[in-house]
C-alpha atoms as a PDB file:
ATOM      1  CA  MET A   1     -32.281  39.831   5.567  1.00  0.00           C
ATOM      2  CA  ARG A   2     -28.678  40.554   6.490  1.00  0.00           C
ATOM      3  CA  VAL A   3     -28.750  37.856   9.145  1.00  0.00           C
ATOM      4  CA  LEU A   4     -29.971  35.338   6.609  1.00  0.00           C
ATOM      5  CA  LEU A   5     -27.256  36.381   4.153  1.00  0.00           C
ATOM      6  CA  LEU A   6     -24.571  36.154   6.845  1.00  0.00           C
ATOM      7  CA  ALA A   7     -25.801  32.703   7.917  1.00  0.00           C
ATOM      8  CA  SER A   8     -25.745  31.503   4.295  1.00  0.00           C
ATOM      9  CA  CYS A   9     -22.180  32.713   3.815  1.00  0.00           C
ATOM     10  CA  LEU A  10     -21.020  30.890   6.935  1.00  0.00           C
ATOM     11  CA  GLY A  11     -22.833  27.750   5.825  1.00  0.00           C
ATOM     12  CA  LEU A  12     -21.284  27.902   2.356  1.00  0.00           C
ATOM     13  CA  THR A  13     -17.822  28.381   3.846  1.00  0.00           C
ATOM     14  CA  GLY A  14     -18.191  25.056   5.633  1.00  0.00           C
ATOM     15  CA  CYS A  15     -19.341  23.350   2.441  1.00  0.00           C
ATOM     16  CA  ILE A  16     -16.467  24.815   0.451  1.00  0.00           C
ATOM     17  CA  ALA A  17     -13.943  23.792   3.102  1.00  0.00           C
ATOM     18  CA  ARG A  18     -15.331  20.273   3.214  1.00  0.00           C
ATOM     19  CA  THR A  19     -15.212  20.018  -0.581  1.00  0.00           C
ATOM     20  CA  ALA A  20     -11.608  21.252  -0.574  1.00  0.00           C
ATOM     21  CA  VAL A  21     -10.653  18.614   1.989  1.00  0.00           C
ATOM     22  CA  ASP A  22     -12.386  15.919  -0.061  1.00  0.00           C
ATOM     23  CA  ILE A  23     -10.536  17.010  -3.209  1.00  0.00           C
ATOM     24  CA  VAL A  24      -7.161  17.073  -1.446  1.00  0.00           C
ATOM     25  CA  THR A  25      -7.601  13.649   0.190  1.00  0.00           C
ATOM     26  CA  LEU A  26      -9.047  11.926  -2.883  1.00  0.00           C
ATOM     27  CA  PRO A  27      -5.675  10.991  -4.464  1.00  0.00           C
ATOM     28  CA  VAL A  28      -4.502   9.508  -1.164  1.00  0.00           C
ATOM     29  CA  LYS A  29      -7.657   7.412  -0.895  1.00  0.00           C
ATOM     30  CA  VAL A  30      -7.326   6.211  -4.494  1.00  0.00           C
ATOM     31  CA  VAL A  31      -3.673   5.201  -4.064  1.00  0.00           C
ATOM     32  CA  SER A  32      -4.437   3.511  -0.760  1.00  0.00           C
ATOM     33  CA  ALA A  33      -7.261   1.492  -2.304  1.00  0.00           C
ATOM     34  CA  GLY A  34      -5.008   0.482  -5.199  1.00  0.00           C
ATOM     35  CA  VAL A  35      -2.230  -0.685  -2.890  1.00  0.00           C
ATOM     36  CA  ASP A  36      -4.705  -2.597  -0.746  1.00  0.00           C
ATOM     37  CA  ALA A  37      -6.141  -4.320  -3.806  1.00  0.00           C
ATOM     38  CA  ALA A  38      -2.683  -5.183  -5.168  1.00  0.00           C
ATOM     39  CA  THR A  39      -1.292  -6.672  -1.963  1.00  0.00           C
ATOM     40  CA  THR A  40      -2.315  -9.787  -0.111  1.00  0.00           C
ATOM     41  CA  SER A  41      -2.270  -9.891   3.651  1.00  0.00           C
ATOM     42  CA  GLN A  42      -0.928 -12.903   5.506  1.00  0.00           C
ATOM     43  CA  SER A  43      -4.418 -13.899   6.634  1.00  0.00           C
ATOM     44  CA  GLU A  44      -5.714 -13.724   3.052  1.00  0.00           C
ATOM     45  CA  ALA A  45      -2.810 -15.879   1.885  1.00  0.00           C
ATOM     46  CA  ASP A  46      -3.524 -18.379   4.679  1.00  0.00           C
ATOM     47  CA  GLU A  47      -7.202 -18.519   3.767  1.00  0.00           C
ATOM     48  CA  ARG A  48      -6.372 -19.084   0.098  1.00  0.00           C
ATOM     49  CA  ARG A  49      -3.892 -21.862   0.949  1.00  0.00           C
ATOM     50  CA  GLY A  50      -6.420 -23.531   3.257  1.00  0.00           C
ATOM     51  CA  ARG A  51      -9.083 -23.361   0.542  1.00  0.00           C
ATOM     52  CA  GLU A  52      -6.696 -24.931  -1.979  1.00  0.00           C
ATOM     53  CA  LEU A  53      -5.841 -27.745   0.443  1.00  0.00           C
ATOM     54  CA  ARG A  54      -9.524 -28.448   1.157  1.00  0.00           C
ATOM     55  CA  GLN A  55     -10.311 -28.565  -2.552  1.00  0.00           C
ATOM     56  CA  LYS A  56      -7.388 -30.908  -3.160  1.00  0.00           C
ATOM     57  CA  GLU A  57      -8.566 -33.225  -0.365  1.00  0.00           C
ATOM     58  CA  GLU A  58     -12.123 -33.174  -1.736  1.00  0.00           C
ATOM     59  CA  ARG A  59     -10.869 -34.124  -5.207  1.00  0.00           C
ATOM     60  CA  ALA A  60      -8.758 -36.931  -3.723  1.00  0.00           C
ATOM     61  CA  GLY A  61     -11.778 -38.187  -1.752  1.00  0.00           C
ATOM     62  CA  ARG A  62     -14.015 -38.177  -4.825  1.00  0.00           C
ATOM     63  CA  GLU A  63     -11.357 -40.024  -6.802  1.00  0.00           C
ATOM     64  CA  ALA A  64     -10.932 -42.619  -4.032  1.00  0.00           C
ATOM     65  CA  ARG A  65     -14.704 -43.207  -3.862  1.00  0.00           C
ATOM     66  CA  ARG A  66     -14.857 -43.548  -7.649  1.00  0.00           C
ATOM     67  CA  ARG A  67     -12.036 -46.100  -7.603  1.00  0.00           C
ATOM     68  CA  GLU A  68     -13.764 -48.058  -4.827  1.00  0.00           C
ATOM     69  CA  ARG A  69     -16.996 -48.185  -6.843  1.00  0.00           C
ATOM     70  CA  GLU A  70     -15.126 -49.379  -9.923  1.00  0.00           C
ATOM     71  CA  GLU A  71     -13.299 -52.059  -7.921  1.00  0.00           C
ATOM     72  CA  GLN A  72     -16.576 -53.192  -6.393  1.00  0.00           C
ATOM     73  CA  ARG A  73     -18.145 -53.469  -9.859  1.00  0.00           C
ATOM     74  CA  GLU A  74     -15.167 -55.448 -11.110  1.00  0.00           C
ATOM     75  CA  ASP A  75     -15.366 -57.764  -8.078  1.00  0.00           C
ATOM     76  CA  ASP A  76     -19.088 -58.213  -8.637  1.00  0.00           C
ATOM     77  CA  GLU A  77     -18.543 -59.010 -12.321  1.00  0.00           C
ATOM     78  CA  GLU A  78     -15.793 -61.500 -11.517  1.00  0.00           C
ATOM     79  CA  ALA A  79     -18.007 -63.193  -8.941  1.00  0.00           C
ATOM     80  CA  GLY A  80     -20.782 -63.397 -11.479  1.00  0.00           C
ATOM     81  CA  SER A  81     -23.258 -61.441  -9.431  1.00  0.00           C
ATOM     82  CA  PRO A  82     -25.732 -59.259 -11.319  1.00  0.00           C
ATOM     83  CA  ASP A  83     -25.427 -55.526 -11.381  1.00  0.00           C
ATOM     84  CA  ARG A  84     -27.862 -53.475  -9.392  1.00  0.00           C
END
């Protein structure tokens, strides 16, 4: 019985120590996560800029294709050819 009691005390000491370490390091982890969320790394900024450029090029491409279709329709109407 004493051996079991002694083993439990030693086991609880480890749990208490671990809990104490978790409590002490929690504010550091919270602040670190907040700083990480508030700042942007260079690679994240590069990715964002690349995404913006791709989206801009896609919009320009769609607009160019739309203009080409409109010009083709106008040419077809001027030539007197029927629409599709």
